[in-house]
Amino acid sequence: MKKTLLFICTVFSTGFAFSQIPPGYYNGTETLTGYALKTKLNQIISNGALDLGYSGLWTTYYTSDRDKYYENNQTLLDMYSEKPNGPDAYEYIVGTNQCGSSNQNVEGYCYNREHSLPKSYFGGQVAPMANDAHFVIPSDYFVNSNRGNYPYGEIASASWTSTNGTKIGPSTFPGYAGTVFEPINEFKGDIARMQLYFITRYEDKLASFAQYQTSSSPLDGTTDRGFKQWYINLLLKWAAQDPVSQREIDRNNAVYARQKNRNPFIDHPEWISMIWTSTLSTQDISRFDRTLTVFPNPVRNGQLHLSGYELDKVNAIQIYTIDGKLVQTVNQNMKNSNTVGLKSLEKGIYFLKTNTNQSVKFIVE
């Protein structure tokens, strides 16, 4: 069901004029590591944070979740339905097609507010957690409903798949064998940083959530680590596989403009490994999918984005034409940015090679 309609609200600009990290925002973090750093971040991002209410999320989505990156048509950017490499199966106009709890049984009918960490794990519709746009995201109602209370994870054989490849099935990730919900690779880092934001922002409340936990909950009942170790391992993997994108930076700024607090792991992704430690074995890591991916593909606006596990080790790339001619070299640490600006390349097929001996084909339109 394709939903196209000109956005008629003139209150919100299609451009972006929000500030970046305010000067001094992270003062006091300079010498800290481990859970002491996490606690300091909790204080920073909790101080002055506004609760705009559950209905306030609809307003926040006008500026935080519009597509300026793929179709670039200002429709709603839903991570569970966005197809980075082709046209979406359906689209929503921000402020139109939204729904609450109506019983829809098909994708593409309406969108609602998805608690990326299911709200049942913290007691339901409880403020301010239930209203926090840093982890409550817009999503198709039907996909959200199918997700239910499953934790995020990785799947080999899906029992259900959405139109963009998001899927449900038994976990294959070390440490958990239950049913999980797996978003597409392009948004795994976004999801990981949202989850880590939650256990940082609500560190002082985590112990009180213990009464709501079931076997599927990734929360571990502690105020320091926050999540069970298998889930920390998963989030650290996803955060490394899918570095911070411009879309996340823009979203962080938009939410800050409304809520007056930030996701520190978008501003400083290096803090993730300074706080939490993976316990995965070398054998576990060897099974990870290291496929390098370009999105969007075809490339349309002179920029491409890379994703792939251990992308932080890539610091140089070369771009070749299909007949082997080198046309561009980029020396850039992908740990800091996975966005690559292309020179004026003609339409055609190209190959991108990295200093880590990975390669991927892409098309310029």
Protein backbone atom coordinates (compact mmCIF):
# COMPACT_ATOMS: atom_id res chain seq x y z
CA MET A 1 0.00 0.00 0.00
CA LYS A 2 1.82 3.09 -1.21
CA LYS A 3 1.00 6.22 0.73
CA THR A 4 2.15 9.44 -0.90
CA LEU A 5 0.94 12.87 0.08
CA LEU A 6 2.59 16.25 0.13
CA PHE A 7 3.61 17.28 3.61
CA ILE A 8 1.50 20.34 4.27
CA CYS A 9 2.54 21.33 7.77
CA THR A 10 4.73 24.41 7.56
CA VAL A 11 5.60 24.55 11.24
CA PHE A 12 8.47 22.13 10.81
CA SER A 13 11.20 22.91 8.32
CA THR A 14 12.42 20.25 5.97
CA GLY A 15 15.94 21.45 6.62
CA PHE A 16 17.87 20.98 9.81
CA ALA A 17 19.07 23.83 11.98
CA PHE A 18 19.53 22.10 15.31
CA SER A 19 22.78 22.44 17.21
CA GLN A 20 25.40 19.79 17.65
CA ILE A 21 26.81 18.83 21.09
CA PRO A 22 26.43 21.89 23.34
CA PRO A 23 29.76 23.20 24.71
CA GLY A 24 30.49 21.61 28.06
CA TYR A 25 27.64 19.11 27.83
CA TYR A 26 29.89 16.17 28.73
CA ASN A 27 32.05 17.96 31.28
CA GLY A 28 33.28 15.61 33.98
CA THR A 29 33.66 12.55 31.77
CA GLU A 30 37.27 13.19 30.75
CA THR A 31 39.04 10.81 33.14
CA LEU A 32 36.31 8.23 33.61
CA THR A 33 35.93 4.71 32.24
CA GLY A 34 33.81 1.68 33.06
CA TYR A 35 30.62 1.95 35.06
CA ALA A 36 31.80 5.19 36.65
CA LEU A 37 31.58 6.75 33.19
CA LYS A 38 28.11 5.24 32.70
CA THR A 39 26.92 6.73 36.00
CA LYS A 40 28.28 10.14 35.09
CA LEU A 41 26.52 9.96 31.73
CA ASN A 42 23.31 9.05 33.55
CA GLN A 43 23.59 12.25 35.56
CA ILE A 44 24.31 14.36 32.47
CA ILE A 45 21.53 13.05 30.25
CA SER A 46 18.97 12.97 33.08
CA ASN A 47 19.60 16.53 34.27
CA GLY A 48 17.03 18.79 32.64
CA ALA A 49 15.53 16.06 30.45
CA LEU A 50 11.92 16.80 29.58
CA ASP A 51 9.04 14.34 29.57
CA LEU A 52 6.80 15.51 26.71
CA GLY A 53 4.23 12.81 27.25
CA TYR A 54 3.27 9.87 25.07
CA SER A 55 1.41 12.06 22.58
CA GLY A 56 4.50 14.26 22.32
CA LEU A 57 6.23 11.48 20.40
CA TRP A 58 3.99 12.16 17.38
CA THR A 59 5.28 15.73 17.32
CA THR A 60 8.91 14.71 17.78
CA TYR A 61 8.70 12.38 14.79
CA TYR A 62 8.06 15.36 12.52
CA THR A 63 11.71 16.33 12.88
CA SER A 64 13.40 13.17 14.13
CA ASP A 65 12.22 10.50 11.70
CA ARG A 66 11.77 11.77 8.18
CA ASP A 67 13.43 10.20 5.17
CA LYS A 68 16.18 12.51 3.91
CA TYR A 69 18.59 9.65 3.25
CA TYR A 70 17.03 7.00 0.99
CA GLU A 71 14.02 8.04 -1.09
CA ASN A 72 14.69 11.55 0.28
CA ASN A 73 11.01 12.37 0.06
CA GLN A 74 10.39 13.44 3.67
CA THR A 75 8.13 10.46 4.42
CA LEU A 76 8.41 8.64 7.74
CA LEU A 77 11.64 6.71 8.18
CA ASP A 78 10.65 3.40 9.73
CA MET A 79 13.58 1.07 10.39
CA TYR A 80 11.32 -1.98 10.14
CA SER A 81 10.07 -1.16 6.62
CA GLU A 82 12.80 0.98 5.01
CA LYS A 83 14.52 -0.71 2.08
CA PRO A 84 17.94 0.93 1.69
CA ASN A 85 18.58 -0.55 -1.75
CA GLY A 86 15.25 -0.07 -3.43
CA PRO A 87 11.73 1.36 -3.22
CA ASP A 88 9.86 0.72 0.00
CA ALA A 89 6.81 -1.53 -0.12
CA TYR A 90 4.81 1.28 1.51
CA GLU A 91 5.41 4.74 2.97
CA TYR A 92 3.80 6.87 5.63
CA ILE A 93 3.39 10.62 5.80
CA VAL A 94 4.40 12.07 9.15
CA GLY A 95 1.24 13.06 10.99
CA THR A 96 -0.95 10.99 8.66
CA ASN A 97 -1.64 7.25 8.83
CA GLN A 98 -0.70 7.14 12.51
CA CYS A 99 -2.61 4.83 14.84
CA GLY A 100 -2.70 3.79 18.45
CA SER A 101 -3.88 0.28 19.21
CA SER A 102 -6.31 -0.45 16.40
CA ASN A 103 -6.24 -4.11 15.40
CA GLN A 104 -4.65 -4.04 11.95
CA ASN A 105 -3.47 -7.35 10.49
CA VAL A 106 -1.55 -6.20 7.44
CA GLU A 107 1.65 -4.27 6.83
CA GLY A 108 1.33 -0.80 5.40
CA TYR A 109 -1.91 0.30 7.07
CA CYS A 110 -0.69 2.66 9.81
CA TYR A 111 2.29 3.45 12.01
CA ASN A 112 2.55 3.69 15.76
CA ARG A 113 5.11 4.10 18.56
CA GLU A 114 7.45 1.16 19.10
CA HIS A 115 9.33 0.78 22.39
CA SER A 116 12.56 -0.66 21.07
CA LEU A 117 13.04 -2.07 24.57
CA PRO A 118 9.55 -3.53 25.16
CA LYS A 119 7.67 -1.50 27.75
CA SER A 120 6.53 -4.63 29.60
CA TYR A 121 10.12 -4.90 30.85
CA PHE A 122 9.82 -1.63 32.75
CA GLY A 123 6.21 -1.81 33.89
CA GLY A 124 4.19 -0.65 30.90
CA GLN A 125 3.08 2.86 30.07
CA VAL A 126 5.22 4.42 32.81
CA ALA A 127 6.68 7.91 32.52
CA PRO A 128 9.21 9.04 31.57
CA MET A 129 10.50 5.81 29.99
CA ALA A 130 7.42 5.16 27.86
CA ASN A 131 7.64 8.65 26.33
CA ASP A 132 11.37 8.84 25.56
CA ALA A 133 11.98 9.39 21.83
CA HIS A 134 15.61 8.31 22.11
CA PHE A 135 14.40 4.70 22.14
CA VAL A 136 10.67 4.90 21.29
CA ILE A 137 10.63 4.87 17.50
CA PRO A 138 7.95 5.04 14.80
CA SER A 139 7.17 1.73 13.17
CA ASP A 140 4.53 -0.04 11.15
CA TYR A 141 1.77 -1.22 13.48
CA PHE A 142 1.68 -4.78 12.16
CA VAL A 143 5.43 -5.31 12.36
CA ASN A 144 5.46 -3.81 15.85
CA SER A 145 2.64 -6.11 16.87
CA ASN A 146 4.45 -9.18 15.54
CA ARG A 147 7.61 -8.14 17.37
CA GLY A 148 5.72 -8.17 20.67
CA ASN A 149 8.12 -8.58 23.61
CA TYR A 150 10.87 -10.46 21.82
CA PRO A 151 14.39 -9.19 22.44
CA TYR A 152 16.59 -8.28 19.53
CA GLY A 153 18.86 -11.00 18.22
CA GLU A 154 20.12 -12.90 15.18
CA ILE A 155 18.31 -15.59 13.25
CA ALA A 156 19.27 -18.30 10.76
CA SER A 157 15.79 -19.55 9.88
CA ALA A 158 12.95 -17.02 10.09
CA SER A 159 9.40 -17.92 11.05
CA TRP A 160 8.18 -14.51 9.82
CA THR A 161 9.74 -11.78 7.66
CA SER A 162 8.60 -8.22 7.01
CA THR A 163 8.67 -6.51 3.62
CA ASN A 164 12.16 -5.07 4.25
CA GLY A 165 13.72 -8.25 5.65
CA THR A 166 13.21 -7.68 9.37
CA LYS A 167 12.49 -11.11 10.81
CA ILE A 168 11.44 -13.25 13.75
CA GLY A 169 12.79 -16.69 14.63
CA PRO A 170 14.90 -18.74 17.04
CA SER A 171 18.12 -17.08 18.19
CA THR A 172 21.44 -18.30 16.84
CA PHE A 173 23.49 -15.82 18.85
CA PRO A 174 25.69 -17.36 21.56
CA GLY A 175 24.08 -17.28 25.00
CA TYR A 176 20.38 -17.20 24.10
CA ALA A 177 18.17 -19.76 22.35
CA GLY A 178 14.71 -18.15 22.57
CA THR A 179 12.71 -16.34 19.91
CA VAL A 180 14.19 -13.01 18.81
CA PHE A 181 13.51 -10.11 16.48
CA GLU A 182 16.23 -9.15 13.98
CA PRO A 183 16.25 -5.79 12.14
CA ILE A 184 18.15 -5.43 8.87
CA ASN A 185 21.90 -4.82 9.04
CA GLU A 186 21.67 -1.15 8.17
CA PHE A 187 19.91 -0.26 11.41
CA LYS A 188 21.52 -2.66 13.86
CA GLY A 189 23.95 -0.05 15.16
CA ASP A 190 21.11 2.44 15.60
CA ILE A 191 19.19 -0.12 17.64
CA ALA A 192 22.25 -1.05 19.71
CA ARG A 193 22.97 2.54 20.69
CA MET A 194 19.30 3.06 21.62
CA GLN A 195 19.38 0.03 23.92
CA LEU A 196 22.57 1.17 25.61
CA TYR A 197 21.08 4.64 26.01
CA PHE A 198 18.15 3.10 27.92
CA ILE A 199 20.24 1.34 30.57
CA THR A 200 22.34 4.50 30.96
CA ARG A 201 19.51 7.03 31.12
CA TYR A 202 17.49 4.88 33.53
CA GLU A 203 20.37 3.39 35.49
CA ASP A 204 18.88 4.51 38.81
CA LYS A 205 15.58 2.77 37.99
CA LEU A 206 16.89 -0.57 36.69
CA ALA A 207 16.64 -2.36 40.03
CA SER A 208 12.95 -1.45 40.28
CA PHE A 209 12.28 -3.12 36.93
CA ALA A 210 13.28 -6.55 38.29
CA GLN A 211 9.68 -7.37 39.21
CA TYR A 212 8.63 -7.21 35.55
CA GLN A 213 11.25 -9.51 34.08
CA THR A 214 10.55 -12.74 32.20
CA SER A 215 12.98 -15.24 30.71
CA SER A 216 12.99 -13.31 27.44
CA SER A 217 13.99 -9.99 29.00
CA PRO A 218 17.58 -8.93 28.35
CA LEU A 219 17.69 -6.78 31.53
CA ASP A 220 19.84 -8.40 34.22
CA GLY A 221 18.58 -6.53 37.30
CA THR A 222 21.85 -4.71 37.96
CA THR A 223 22.41 -0.98 37.86
CA ASP A 224 25.91 -1.25 36.41
CA ARG A 225 26.03 -3.63 33.42
CA GLY A 226 22.27 -3.34 32.91
CA PHE A 227 21.78 -6.11 30.37
CA LYS A 228 22.58 -9.80 30.42
CA GLN A 229 26.01 -10.56 29.05
CA TRP A 230 24.76 -12.25 25.88
CA TYR A 231 22.81 -9.10 25.02
CA ILE A 232 25.78 -6.85 25.74
CA ASN A 233 27.83 -9.05 23.39
CA LEU A 234 25.17 -8.65 20.70
CA LEU A 235 24.93 -4.86 21.09
CA LEU A 236 28.70 -4.40 21.02
CA LYS A 237 28.85 -6.45 17.85
CA TRP A 238 26.07 -4.44 16.19
CA ALA A 239 27.54 -1.11 17.27
CA ALA A 240 30.86 -2.07 15.67
CA GLN A 241 29.23 -3.56 12.57
CA ASP A 242 27.09 -0.49 11.87
CA PRO A 243 28.86 2.76 12.92
CA VAL A 244 27.07 6.03 13.64
CA SER A 245 25.44 7.46 10.51
CA GLN A 246 24.43 11.00 9.59
CA ARG A 247 20.85 9.91 10.04
CA GLU A 248 21.55 9.03 13.69
CA ILE A 249 23.36 12.31 14.27
CA ASP A 250 20.44 14.24 12.84
CA ARG A 251 17.97 12.25 14.90
CA ASN A 252 19.97 12.80 18.08
CA ASN A 253 19.96 16.55 17.44
CA ALA A 254 16.23 16.56 16.72
CA VAL A 255 15.36 14.68 19.90
CA TYR A 256 17.69 16.94 21.91
CA ALA A 257 15.88 19.99 20.56
CA ARG A 258 12.67 18.57 22.00
CA GLN A 259 13.69 16.59 25.11
CA LYS A 260 16.84 18.54 26.06
CA ASN A 261 18.97 15.42 26.44
CA ARG A 262 21.18 13.39 24.12
CA ASN A 263 22.21 9.83 23.35
CA PRO A 264 25.89 9.90 24.37
CA PHE A 265 26.74 6.80 22.34
CA ILE A 266 25.93 8.62 19.13
CA ASP A 267 28.03 11.61 20.17
CA HIS A 268 30.86 9.42 21.49
CA PRO A 269 30.58 5.84 20.18
CA GLU A 270 34.01 5.07 21.65
CA TRP A 271 32.43 5.18 25.11
CA ILE A 272 30.60 1.91 24.42
CA SER A 273 33.75 -0.21 24.62
CA MET A 274 35.04 1.93 27.49
CA ILE A 275 32.02 0.92 29.59
CA TRP A 276 31.09 -2.60 28.52
CA THR A 277 33.21 -5.62 27.60
CA SER A 278 32.36 -8.46 25.24
CA THR A 279 32.95 -12.01 26.48
CA LEU A 280 32.63 -13.66 23.09
CA SER A 281 35.31 -16.20 22.29
CA THR A 282 37.49 -16.10 19.22
CA GLN A 283 35.50 -19.06 17.91
CA ASP A 284 32.22 -17.18 18.38
CA ILE A 285 33.56 -14.12 16.60
CA SER A 286 34.87 -16.21 13.71
CA ARG A 287 31.27 -17.13 12.86
CA PHE A 288 30.15 -13.54 12.45
CA ASP A 289 29.04 -12.33 9.05
CA ARG A 290 31.76 -9.98 7.83
CA THR A 291 30.06 -9.12 4.58
CA LEU A 292 30.73 -5.52 3.59
CA THR A 293 27.59 -3.72 2.45
CA VAL A 294 27.03 -0.45 0.56
CA PHE A 295 23.78 1.44 0.98
CA PRO A 296 21.86 2.84 -0.66
CA ASN A 297 22.69 0.79 -3.71
CA PRO A 298 22.27 2.22 -6.33
CA VAL A 299 23.91 5.39 -5.01
CA ARG A 300 21.90 8.45 -5.98
CA ASN A 301 23.11 11.54 -4.13
CA GLY A 302 26.89 11.35 -4.25
CA GLN A 303 27.18 9.62 -0.88
CA LEU A 304 27.39 6.01 0.10
CA HIS A 305 27.41 4.36 3.50
CA LEU A 306 29.24 1.21 4.55
CA SER A 307 28.26 -1.43 7.08
CA GLY A 308 29.97 -4.62 8.18
CA TYR A 309 31.49 -6.20 11.27
CA GLU A 310 34.87 -4.70 12.28
CA LEU A 311 34.29 -1.75 9.99
CA ASP A 312 36.25 0.24 12.59
CA LYS A 313 39.41 -1.36 11.20
CA VAL A 314 38.86 0.20 7.77
CA ASN A 315 40.84 3.42 7.32
CA ALA A 316 41.30 3.54 3.55
CA ILE A 317 39.21 2.64 0.53
CA GLN A 318 39.75 2.66 -3.22
CA ILE A 319 37.06 2.87 -5.86
CA TYR A 320 37.53 1.26 -9.28
CA THR A 321 35.52 1.24 -12.47
CA ILE A 322 34.29 -2.08 -13.78
CA ASP A 323 37.31 -2.25 -16.10
CA GLY A 324 39.77 -1.79 -13.22
CA LYS A 325 40.57 1.93 -13.40
CA LEU A 326 41.20 3.58 -10.03
CA VAL A 327 38.98 6.67 -9.84
CA GLN A 328 39.01 7.63 -6.16
CA THR A 329 40.99 6.99 -2.99
CA VAL A 330 39.58 7.89 0.41
CA ASN A 331 41.72 7.88 3.57
CA GLN A 332 39.18 7.90 6.36
CA ASN A 333 38.70 6.02 9.62
CA MET A 334 35.33 4.35 9.29
CA LYS A 335 35.13 4.06 13.08
CA ASN A 336 34.37 7.77 13.15
CA SER A 337 32.13 7.93 10.08
CA ASN A 338 30.80 5.31 7.68
CA THR A 339 29.72 7.91 5.14
CA VAL A 340 31.86 8.30 2.01
CA GLY A 341 31.51 11.25 -0.32
CA LEU A 342 31.96 10.32 -3.95
CA LYS A 343 33.60 12.47 -6.57
CA SER A 344 31.56 13.20 -9.67
CA LEU A 345 31.35 9.61 -10.84
CA GLU A 346 29.51 8.85 -14.03
CA LYS A 347 26.59 6.45 -13.97
CA GLY A 348 27.75 2.86 -13.98
CA ILE A 349 29.09 -0.07 -11.95
CA TYR A 350 32.00 0.36 -9.54
CA PHE A 351 33.98 -1.72 -7.07
CA LEU A 352 34.97 -0.50 -3.62
CA LYS A 353 37.98 -2.13 -1.94
CA THR A 354 39.20 -1.58 1.61
CA ASN A 355 42.59 -1.78 3.30
CA THR A 356 41.23 -4.89 5.07
CA ASN A 357 40.92 -6.73 1.75
CA GLN A 358 37.15 -6.52 1.55
CA SER A 359 35.36 -5.52 -1.61
CA VAL A 360 31.83 -4.74 -2.69
CA LYS A 361 30.15 -3.79 -5.96
CA PHE A 362 27.86 -0.78 -6.20
CA ILE A 363 25.99 1.17 -8.85
CA VAL A 364 25.90 4.92 -9.37
CA GLU A 365 22.68 6.22 -10.89
